[in-house]
Amino acid sequence: MGMVTFVWILIFFHLIAPDAPEVIKQMAIEQARESGATEEALDAQRPIIEFFTMPVVMGFVGWVLTVVVAFLGSLLGGAIFQKEAPGRV
């Protein structure tokens, strides 16, 4: 499922909405301005914003989050439905 997420994000940002990363960058900068960030702070944040709005990075982050959520769901499901060994009471 994580790889499907990764591939979907790449397809989406390259073929369906190639201008979306730029829109996301502008929204992030506007939110920083609204929260009172100075121009120096914005200049320092721009490389980070640009890095995290690259489609490959967004795909990788989506993949990692999918793997983490699936792992935690598996742990929770295993804890809830855990069975005792047949010889134990």
PDB file of N, CA and C in Angstrom:
ATOM      1  N   MET A   1       0.826  -1.187   0.000  1.00  0.00           N
ATOM      2  CA  MET A   1       0.000   0.000   0.000  1.00  0.00           C
ATOM      3  C   MET A   1       0.871   1.252   0.000  1.00  0.00           C
ATOM      4  N   GLY A   2       1.989   1.184   0.687  1.00  0.00           N
ATOM      5  CA  GLY A   2       2.882   2.333   0.724  1.00  0.00           C
ATOM      6  C   GLY A   2       3.446   2.666  -0.645  1.00  0.00           C
ATOM      7  N   MET A   3       3.764   1.647  -1.413  1.00  0.00           N
ATOM      8  CA  MET A   3       4.288   1.882  -2.765  1.00  0.00           C
ATOM      9  C   MET A   3       3.202   2.444  -3.678  1.00  0.00           C
ATOM     10  N   VAL A   4       1.967   2.013  -3.471  1.00  0.00           N
ATOM     11  CA  VAL A   4       0.857   2.561  -4.253  1.00  0.00           C
ATOM     12  C   VAL A   4       0.715   4.049  -3.959  1.00  0.00           C
ATOM     13  N   THR A   5       0.828   4.410  -2.687  1.00  0.00           N
ATOM     14  CA  THR A   5       0.764   5.817  -2.292  1.00  0.00           C
ATOM     15  C   THR A   5       1.892   6.602  -2.957  1.00  0.00           C
ATOM     16  N   PHE A   6       3.094   6.064  -2.917  1.00  0.00           N
ATOM     17  CA  PHE A   6       4.245   6.728  -3.512  1.00  0.00           C
ATOM     18  C   PHE A   6       4.039   6.951  -5.011  1.00  0.00           C
ATOM     19  N   VAL A   7       3.622   5.903  -5.713  1.00  0.00           N
ATOM     20  CA  VAL A   7       3.415   6.002  -7.160  1.00  0.00           C
ATOM     21  C   VAL A   7       2.273   6.967  -7.467  1.00  0.00           C
ATOM     22  N   TRP A   8       1.193   6.909  -6.687  1.00  0.00           N
ATOM     23  CA  TRP A   8       0.067   7.812  -6.919  1.00  0.00           C
ATOM     24  C   TRP A   8       0.490   9.265  -6.754  1.00  0.00           C
ATOM     25  N   ILE A   9       1.249   9.569  -5.732  1.00  0.00           N
ATOM     26  CA  ILE A   9       1.703  10.941  -5.516  1.00  0.00           C
ATOM     27  C   ILE A   9       2.572  11.403  -6.683  1.00  0.00           C
ATOM     28  N   LEU A  10       3.455  10.546  -7.151  1.00  0.00           N
ATOM     29  CA  LEU A  10       4.288  10.915  -8.307  1.00  0.00           C
ATOM     30  C   LEU A  10       3.435  11.170  -9.548  1.00  0.00           C
ATOM     31  N   ILE A  11       2.483  10.272  -9.814  1.00  0.00           N
ATOM     32  CA  ILE A  11       1.613  10.463 -10.979  1.00  0.00           C
ATOM     33  C   ILE A  11       0.795  11.742 -10.827  1.00  0.00           C
ATOM     34  N   PHE A  12       0.236  11.950  -9.648  1.00  0.00           N
ATOM     35  CA  PHE A  12      -0.609  13.122  -9.418  1.00  0.00           C
ATOM     36  C   PHE A  12       0.157  14.418  -9.652  1.00  0.00           C
ATOM     37  N   PHE A  13       1.325  14.535  -9.054  1.00  0.00           N
ATOM     38  CA  PHE A  13       2.067  15.791  -9.138  1.00  0.00           C
ATOM     39  C   PHE A  13       2.821  15.977 -10.460  1.00  0.00           C
ATOM     40  N   HIS A  14       3.006  14.922 -11.222  1.00  0.00           N
ATOM     41  CA  HIS A  14       3.679  15.069 -12.513  1.00  0.00           C
ATOM     42  C   HIS A  14       2.709  15.173 -13.683  1.00  0.00           C
ATOM     43  N   LEU A  15       1.580  14.470 -13.609  1.00  0.00           N
ATOM     44  CA  LEU A  15       0.666  14.430 -14.748  1.00  0.00           C
ATOM     45  C   LEU A  15      -0.650  15.167 -14.509  1.00  0.00           C
ATOM     46  N   ILE A  16      -1.254  14.980 -13.347  1.00  0.00           N
ATOM     47  CA  ILE A  16      -2.586  15.528 -13.104  1.00  0.00           C
ATOM     48  C   ILE A  16      -2.524  16.984 -12.662  1.00  0.00           C
ATOM     49  N   ALA A  17      -1.707  17.282 -11.697  1.00  0.00           N
ATOM     50  CA  ALA A  17      -1.624  18.646 -11.161  1.00  0.00           C
ATOM     51  C   ALA A  17      -0.168  19.073 -11.019  1.00  0.00           C
ATOM     52  N   PRO A  18       0.519  19.340 -12.122  1.00  0.00           N
ATOM     53  CA  PRO A  18       1.939  19.695 -12.030  1.00  0.00           C
ATOM     54  C   PRO A  18       2.185  21.037 -11.351  1.00  0.00           C
ATOM     55  N   ASP A  19       1.180  21.900 -11.253  1.00  0.00           N
ATOM     56  CA  ASP A  19       1.363  23.194 -10.597  1.00  0.00           C
ATOM     57  C   ASP A  19       1.045  23.144  -9.103  1.00  0.00           C
ATOM     58  N   ALA A  20       0.574  22.015  -8.600  1.00  0.00           N
ATOM     59  CA  ALA A  20       0.198  21.900  -7.192  1.00  0.00           C
ATOM     60  C   ALA A  20       1.363  22.156  -6.223  1.00  0.00           C
ATOM     61  N   PRO A  21       2.573  21.650  -6.466  1.00  0.00           N
ATOM     62  CA  PRO A  21       3.656  21.956  -5.521  1.00  0.00           C
ATOM     63  C   PRO A  21       3.907  23.457  -5.374  1.00  0.00           C
ATOM     64  N   GLU A  22       3.801  24.203  -6.463  1.00  0.00           N
ATOM     65  CA  GLU A  22       3.994  25.654  -6.379  1.00  0.00           C
ATOM     66  C   GLU A  22       2.889  26.299  -5.551  1.00  0.00           C
ATOM     67  N   VAL A  23       1.664  25.829  -5.713  1.00  0.00           N
ATOM     68  CA  VAL A  23       0.538  26.348  -4.922  1.00  0.00           C
ATOM     69  C   VAL A  23       0.751  26.031  -3.447  1.00  0.00           C
ATOM     70  N   ILE A  24       1.224  24.830  -3.155  1.00  0.00           N
ATOM     71  CA  ILE A  24       1.480  24.441  -1.764  1.00  0.00           C
ATOM     72  C   ILE A  24       2.583  25.314  -1.165  1.00  0.00           C
ATOM     73  N   LYS A  25       3.630  25.589  -1.943  1.00  0.00           N
ATOM     74  CA  LYS A  25       4.707  26.468  -1.468  1.00  0.00           C
ATOM     75  C   LYS A  25       4.168  27.845  -1.117  1.00  0.00           C
ATOM     76  N   GLN A  26       3.351  28.406  -2.017  1.00  0.00           N
ATOM     77  CA  GLN A  26       2.799  29.740  -1.770  1.00  0.00           C
ATOM     78  C   GLN A  26       1.895  29.750  -0.541  1.00  0.00           C
ATOM     79  N   MET A  27       1.108  28.697  -0.361  1.00  0.00           N
ATOM     80  CA  MET A  27       0.245  28.614   0.824  1.00  0.00           C
ATOM     81  C   MET A  27       1.079  28.551   2.101  1.00  0.00           C
ATOM     82  N   ALA A  28       2.163  27.796   2.079  1.00  0.00           N
ATOM     83  CA  ALA A  28       3.023  27.680   3.255  1.00  0.00           C
ATOM     84  C   ALA A  28       3.662  29.023   3.585  1.00  0.00           C
ATOM     85  N   ILE A  29       4.099  29.747   2.562  1.00  0.00           N
ATOM     86  CA  ILE A  29       4.712  31.059   2.784  1.00  0.00           C
ATOM     87  C   ILE A  29       3.680  32.045   3.321  1.00  0.00           C
ATOM     88  N   GLU A  30       2.464  32.005   2.776  1.00  0.00           N
ATOM     89  CA  GLU A  30       1.397  32.888   3.263  1.00  0.00           C
ATOM     90  C   GLU A  30       1.048  32.581   4.714  1.00  0.00           C
ATOM     91  N   GLN A  31       0.978  31.322   5.071  1.00  0.00           N
ATOM     92  CA  GLN A  31       0.685  30.948   6.455  1.00  0.00           C
ATOM     93  C   GLN A  31       1.791  31.425   7.387  1.00  0.00           C
ATOM     94  N   ALA A  32       3.024  31.347   6.940  1.00  0.00           N
ATOM     95  CA  ALA A  32       4.139  31.828   7.759  1.00  0.00           C
ATOM     96  C   ALA A  32       4.038  33.339   7.953  1.00  0.00           C
ATOM     97  N   ARG A  33       3.676  34.047   6.888  1.00  0.00           N
ATOM     98  CA  ARG A  33       3.515  35.503   7.000  1.00  0.00           C
ATOM     99  C   ARG A  33       2.382  35.850   7.952  1.00  0.00           C
ATOM    100  N   GLU A  34       1.267  35.149   7.852  1.00  0.00           N
ATOM    101  CA  GLU A  34       0.118  35.407   8.719  1.00  0.00           C
ATOM    102  C   GLU A  34       0.433  35.124  10.175  1.00  0.00           C
ATOM    103  N   SER A  35       1.342  34.199  10.422  1.00  0.00           N
ATOM    104  CA  SER A  35       1.705  33.898  11.804  1.00  0.00           C
ATOM    105  C   SER A  35       2.751  34.861  12.351  1.00  0.00           C
ATOM    106  N   GLY A  36       3.160  35.827  11.523  1.00  0.00           N
ATOM    107  CA  GLY A  36       4.064  36.863  12.011  1.00  0.00           C
ATOM    108  C   GLY A  36       5.530  36.624  11.721  1.00  0.00           C
ATOM    109  N   ALA A  37       5.844  35.754  10.797  1.00  0.00           N
ATOM    110  CA  ALA A  37       7.244  35.487  10.475  1.00  0.00           C
ATOM    111  C   ALA A  37       7.851  36.687   9.736  1.00  0.00           C
ATOM    112  N   THR A  38       9.080  36.993  10.062  1.00  0.00           N
ATOM    113  CA  THR A  38       9.783  38.087   9.393  1.00  0.00           C
ATOM    114  C   THR A  38      10.308  37.606   8.041  1.00  0.00           C
ATOM    115  N   GLU A  39      10.748  38.537   7.219  1.00  0.00           N
ATOM    116  CA  GLU A  39      11.300  38.160   5.910  1.00  0.00           C
ATOM    117  C   GLU A  39      12.570  37.325   6.058  1.00  0.00           C
ATOM    118  N   GLU A  40      13.353  37.599   7.110  1.00  0.00           N
ATOM    119  CA  GLU A  40      14.557  36.791   7.346  1.00  0.00           C
ATOM    120  C   GLU A  40      14.174  35.355   7.670  1.00  0.00           C
ATOM    121  N   ALA A  41      13.135  35.199   8.485  1.00  0.00           N
ATOM    122  CA  ALA A  41      12.673  33.853   8.835  1.00  0.00           C
ATOM    123  C   ALA A  41      12.121  33.150   7.595  1.00  0.00           C
ATOM    124  N   LEU A  42      11.392  33.893   6.769  1.00  0.00           N
ATOM    125  CA  LEU A  42      10.873  33.298   5.532  1.00  0.00           C
ATOM    126  C   LEU A  42      11.997  32.870   4.593  1.00  0.00           C
ATOM    127  N   ASP A  43      13.041  33.689   4.512  1.00  0.00           N
ATOM    128  CA  ASP A  43      14.189  33.332   3.676  1.00  0.00           C
ATOM    129  C   ASP A  43      14.864  32.065   4.182  1.00  0.00           C
ATOM    130  N   ALA A  44      14.891  31.894   5.510  1.00  0.00           N
ATOM    131  CA  ALA A  44      15.491  30.695   6.091  1.00  0.00           C
ATOM    132  C   ALA A  44      14.597  29.467   5.861  1.00  0.00           C
ATOM    133  N   GLN A  45      13.279  29.676   5.810  1.00  0.00           N
ATOM    134  CA  GLN A  45      12.342  28.563   5.661  1.00  0.00           C
ATOM    135  C   GLN A  45      12.153  28.136   4.204  1.00  0.00           C
ATOM    136  N   ARG A  46      12.443  29.002   3.269  1.00  0.00           N
ATOM    137  CA  ARG A  46      12.201  28.686   1.850  1.00  0.00           C
ATOM    138  C   ARG A  46      12.874  27.401   1.371  1.00  0.00           C
ATOM    139  N   PRO A  47      14.153  27.163   1.686  1.00  0.00           N
ATOM    140  CA  PRO A  47      14.764  25.895   1.216  1.00  0.00           C
ATOM    141  C   PRO A  47      14.069  24.662   1.795  1.00  0.00           C
ATOM    142  N   ILE A  48      13.618  24.763   3.036  1.00  0.00           N
ATOM    143  CA  ILE A  48      12.925  23.632   3.662  1.00  0.00           C
ATOM    144  C   ILE A  48      11.580  23.414   2.997  1.00  0.00           C
ATOM    145  N   ILE A  49      10.862  24.513   2.756  1.00  0.00           N
ATOM    146  CA  ILE A  49       9.559  24.421   2.081  1.00  0.00           C
ATOM    147  C   ILE A  49       9.738  23.831   0.688  1.00  0.00           C
ATOM    148  N   GLU A  50      10.740  24.294  -0.039  1.00  0.00           N
ATOM    149  CA  GLU A  50      10.972  23.778  -1.386  1.00  0.00           C
ATOM    150  C   GLU A  50      11.340  22.297  -1.372  1.00  0.00           C
ATOM    151  N   PHE A  51      12.112  21.882  -0.376  1.00  0.00           N
ATOM    152  CA  PHE A  51      12.489  20.470  -0.278  1.00  0.00           C
ATOM    153  C   PHE A  51      11.273  19.589  -0.031  1.00  0.00           C
ATOM    154  N   PHE A  52      10.441  19.983   0.946  1.00  0.00           N
ATOM    155  CA  PHE A  52       9.309  19.141   1.316  1.00  0.00           C
ATOM    156  C   PHE A  52       8.144  19.231   0.343  1.00  0.00           C
ATOM    157  N   THR A  53       8.178  20.132  -0.619  1.00  0.00           N
ATOM    158  CA  THR A  53       7.127  20.179  -1.630  1.00  0.00           C
ATOM    159  C   THR A  53       7.567  19.547  -2.949  1.00  0.00           C
ATOM    160  N   MET A  54       8.728  18.928  -2.960  1.00  0.00           N
ATOM    161  CA  MET A  54       9.141  18.171  -4.143  1.00  0.00           C
ATOM    162  C   MET A  54       8.299  16.895  -4.194  1.00  0.00           C
ATOM    163  N   PRO A  55       7.766  16.535  -5.361  1.00  0.00           N
ATOM    164  CA  PRO A  55       6.904  15.353  -5.454  1.00  0.00           C
ATOM    165  C   PRO A  55       7.557  14.064  -4.938  1.00  0.00           C
ATOM    166  N   VAL A  56       8.833  13.872  -5.190  1.00  0.00           N
ATOM    167  CA  VAL A  56       9.502  12.653  -4.718  1.00  0.00           C
ATOM    168  C   VAL A  56       9.551  12.626  -3.196  1.00  0.00           C
ATOM    169  N   VAL A  57       9.818  13.760  -2.581  1.00  0.00           N
ATOM    170  CA  VAL A  57       9.874  13.820  -1.120  1.00  0.00           C
ATOM    171  C   VAL A  57       8.474  13.610  -0.538  1.00  0.00           C
ATOM    172  N   MET A  58       7.462  14.232  -1.146  1.00  0.00           N
ATOM    173  CA  MET A  58       6.093  14.023  -0.664  1.00  0.00           C
ATOM    174  C   MET A  58       5.696  12.556  -0.806  1.00  0.00           C
ATOM    175  N   GLY A  59       6.099  11.917  -1.893  1.00  0.00           N
ATOM    176  CA  GLY A  59       5.807  10.500  -2.077  1.00  0.00           C
ATOM    177  C   GLY A  59       6.501   9.649  -1.033  1.00  0.00           C
ATOM    178  N   PHE A  60       7.754   9.956  -0.751  1.00  0.00           N
ATOM    179  CA  PHE A  60       8.493   9.195   0.263  1.00  0.00           C
ATOM    180  C   PHE A  60       7.880   9.377   1.640  1.00  0.00           C
ATOM    181  N   VAL A  61       7.509  10.606   1.986  1.00  0.00           N
ATOM    182  CA  VAL A  61       6.871  10.865   3.283  1.00  0.00           C
ATOM    183  C   VAL A  61       5.541  10.120   3.363  1.00  0.00           C
ATOM    184  N   GLY A  62       4.771  10.127   2.276  1.00  0.00           N
ATOM    185  CA  GLY A  62       3.517   9.374   2.246  1.00  0.00           C
ATOM    186  C   GLY A  62       3.752   7.889   2.438  1.00  0.00           C
ATOM    187  N   TRP A  63       4.799   7.362   1.811  1.00  0.00           N
ATOM    188  CA  TRP A  63       5.141   5.946   1.966  1.00  0.00           C
ATOM    189  C   TRP A  63       5.512   5.627   3.410  1.00  0.00           C
ATOM    190  N   VAL A  64       6.357   6.461   4.010  1.00  0.00           N
ATOM    191  CA  VAL A  64       6.785   6.233   5.396  1.00  0.00           C
ATOM    192  C   VAL A  64       5.586   6.281   6.337  1.00  0.00           C
ATOM    193  N   LEU A  65       4.720   7.271   6.175  1.00  0.00           N
ATOM    194  CA  LEU A  65       3.549   7.374   7.044  1.00  0.00           C
ATOM    195  C   LEU A  65       2.612   6.186   6.864  1.00  0.00           C
ATOM    196  N   THR A  66       2.460   5.704   5.646  1.00  0.00           N
ATOM    197  CA  THR A  66       1.629   4.524   5.408  1.00  0.00           C
ATOM    198  C   THR A  66       2.212   3.310   6.114  1.00  0.00           C
ATOM    199  N   VAL A  67       3.512   3.139   6.040  1.00  0.00           N
ATOM    200  CA  VAL A  67       4.166   2.009   6.696  1.00  0.00           C
ATOM    201  C   VAL A  67       4.017   2.117   8.217  1.00  0.00           C
ATOM    202  N   VAL A  68       4.188   3.300   8.771  1.00  0.00           N
ATOM    203  CA  VAL A  68       4.078   3.484  10.226  1.00  0.00           C
ATOM    204  C   VAL A  68       2.648   3.208  10.693  1.00  0.00           C
ATOM    205  N   VAL A  69       1.664   3.752   9.998  1.00  0.00           N
ATOM    206  CA  VAL A  69       0.267   3.533  10.385  1.00  0.00           C
ATOM    207  C   VAL A  69      -0.101   2.053  10.260  1.00  0.00           C
ATOM    208  N   ALA A  70       0.361   1.390   9.211  1.00  0.00           N
ATOM    209  CA  ALA A  70       0.085  -0.041   9.042  1.00  0.00           C
ATOM    210  C   ALA A  70       0.746  -0.851  10.155  1.00  0.00           C
ATOM    211  N   PHE A  71       1.961  -0.484  10.515  1.00  0.00           N
ATOM    212  CA  PHE A  71       2.663  -1.190  11.600  1.00  0.00           C
ATOM    213  C   PHE A  71       1.924  -1.018  12.923  1.00  0.00           C
ATOM    214  N   LEU A  72       1.523   0.211  13.236  1.00  0.00           N
ATOM    215  CA  LEU A  72       0.798   0.449  14.485  1.00  0.00           C
ATOM    216  C   LEU A  72      -0.561  -0.242  14.480  1.00  0.00           C
ATOM    217  N   GLY A  73      -1.229  -0.245  13.334  1.00  0.00           N
ATOM    218  CA  GLY A  73      -2.503  -0.956  13.233  1.00  0.00           C
ATOM    219  C   GLY A  73      -2.333  -2.445  13.435  1.00  0.00           C
ATOM    220  N   SER A  74      -1.250  -2.999  12.909  1.00  0.00           N
ATOM    221  CA  SER A  74      -0.972  -4.422  13.094  1.00  0.00           C
ATOM    222  C   SER A  74      -0.684  -4.740  14.552  1.00  0.00           C
ATOM    223  N   LEU A  75       0.080  -3.885  15.201  1.00  0.00           N
ATOM    224  CA  LEU A  75       0.351  -4.093  16.630  1.00  0.00           C
ATOM    225  C   LEU A  75      -0.933  -4.044  17.451  1.00  0.00           C
ATOM    226  N   LEU A  76      -1.765  -3.060  17.167  1.00  0.00           N
ATOM    227  CA  LEU A  76      -3.023  -2.919  17.900  1.00  0.00           C
ATOM    228  C   LEU A  76      -3.937  -4.111  17.627  1.00  0.00           C
ATOM    229  N   GLY A  77      -4.056  -4.497  16.367  1.00  0.00           N
ATOM    230  CA  GLY A  77      -4.880  -5.659  16.033  1.00  0.00           C
ATOM    231  C   GLY A  77      -4.360  -6.925  16.674  1.00  0.00           C
ATOM    232  N   GLY A  78      -3.064  -7.112  16.679  1.00  0.00           N
ATOM    233  CA  GLY A  78      -2.469  -8.285  17.318  1.00  0.00           C
ATOM    234  C   GLY A  78      -2.694  -8.297  18.813  1.00  0.00           C
ATOM    235  N   ALA A  79      -2.632  -7.137  19.443  1.00  0.00           N
ATOM    236  CA  ALA A  79      -2.856  -7.059  20.887  1.00  0.00           C
ATOM    237  C   ALA A  79      -4.317  -7.346  21.227  1.00  0.00           C
ATOM    238  N   ILE A  80      -5.229  -6.876  20.397  1.00  0.00           N
ATOM    239  CA  ILE A  80      -6.655  -7.074  20.675  1.00  0.00           C
ATOM    240  C   ILE A  80      -7.061  -8.538  20.453  1.00  0.00           C
ATOM    241  N   PHE A  81      -6.599  -9.139  19.379  1.00  0.00           N
ATOM    242  CA  PHE A  81      -7.033 -10.483  19.013  1.00  0.00           C
ATOM    243  C   PHE A  81      -6.035 -11.571  19.396  1.00  0.00           C
ATOM    244  N   GLN A  82      -5.156 -11.270  20.329  1.00  0.00           N
ATOM    245  CA  GLN A  82      -4.148 -12.224  20.751  1.00  0.00           C
ATOM    246  C   GLN A  82      -4.837 -13.432  21.396  1.00  0.00           C
ATOM    247  N   LYS A  83      -4.379 -14.631  21.043  1.00  0.00           N
ATOM    248  CA  LYS A  83      -4.930 -15.852  21.604  1.00  0.00           C
ATOM    249  C   LYS A  83      -3.910 -16.468  22.552  1.00  0.00           C
ATOM    250  N   GLU A  84      -4.430 -17.114  23.549  1.00  0.00           N
ATOM    251  CA  GLU A  84      -3.564 -17.836  24.475  1.00  0.00           C
ATOM    252  C   GLU A  84      -3.134 -19.135  23.818  1.00  0.00           C
ATOM    253  N   ALA A  85      -1.988 -19.641  24.221  1.00  0.00           N
ATOM    254  CA  ALA A  85      -1.522 -20.930  23.718  1.00  0.00           C
ATOM    255  C   ALA A  85      -2.513 -22.017  24.160  1.00  0.00           C
ATOM    256  N   PRO A  86      -2.735 -23.073  23.358  1.00  0.00           N
ATOM    257  CA  PRO A  86      -3.748 -24.078  23.682  1.00  0.00           C
ATOM    258  C   PRO A  86      -3.561 -24.770  25.034  1.00  0.00           C
ATOM    259  N   GLY A  87      -2.367 -24.930  25.521  1.00  0.00           N
ATOM    260  CA  GLY A  87      -2.125 -25.614  26.783  1.00  0.00           C
ATOM    261  C   GLY A  87      -2.230 -24.719  28.006  1.00  0.00           C
ATOM    262  N   ARG A  88      -2.383 -23.424  27.825  1.00  0.00           N
ATOM    263  CA  ARG A  88      -2.403 -22.511  28.969  1.00  0.00           C
ATOM    264  C   ARG A  88      -3.815 -22.112  29.345  1.00  0.00           C
ATOM    265  N   VAL A  89      -3.951 -21.777  30.623  1.00  0.00           N
ATOM    266  CA  VAL A  89      -5.267 -21.329  31.121  1.00  0.00           C
ATOM    267  C   VAL A  89      -5.180 -19.915  31.598  1.00  0.00           C
TER     268      VAL A  89
END
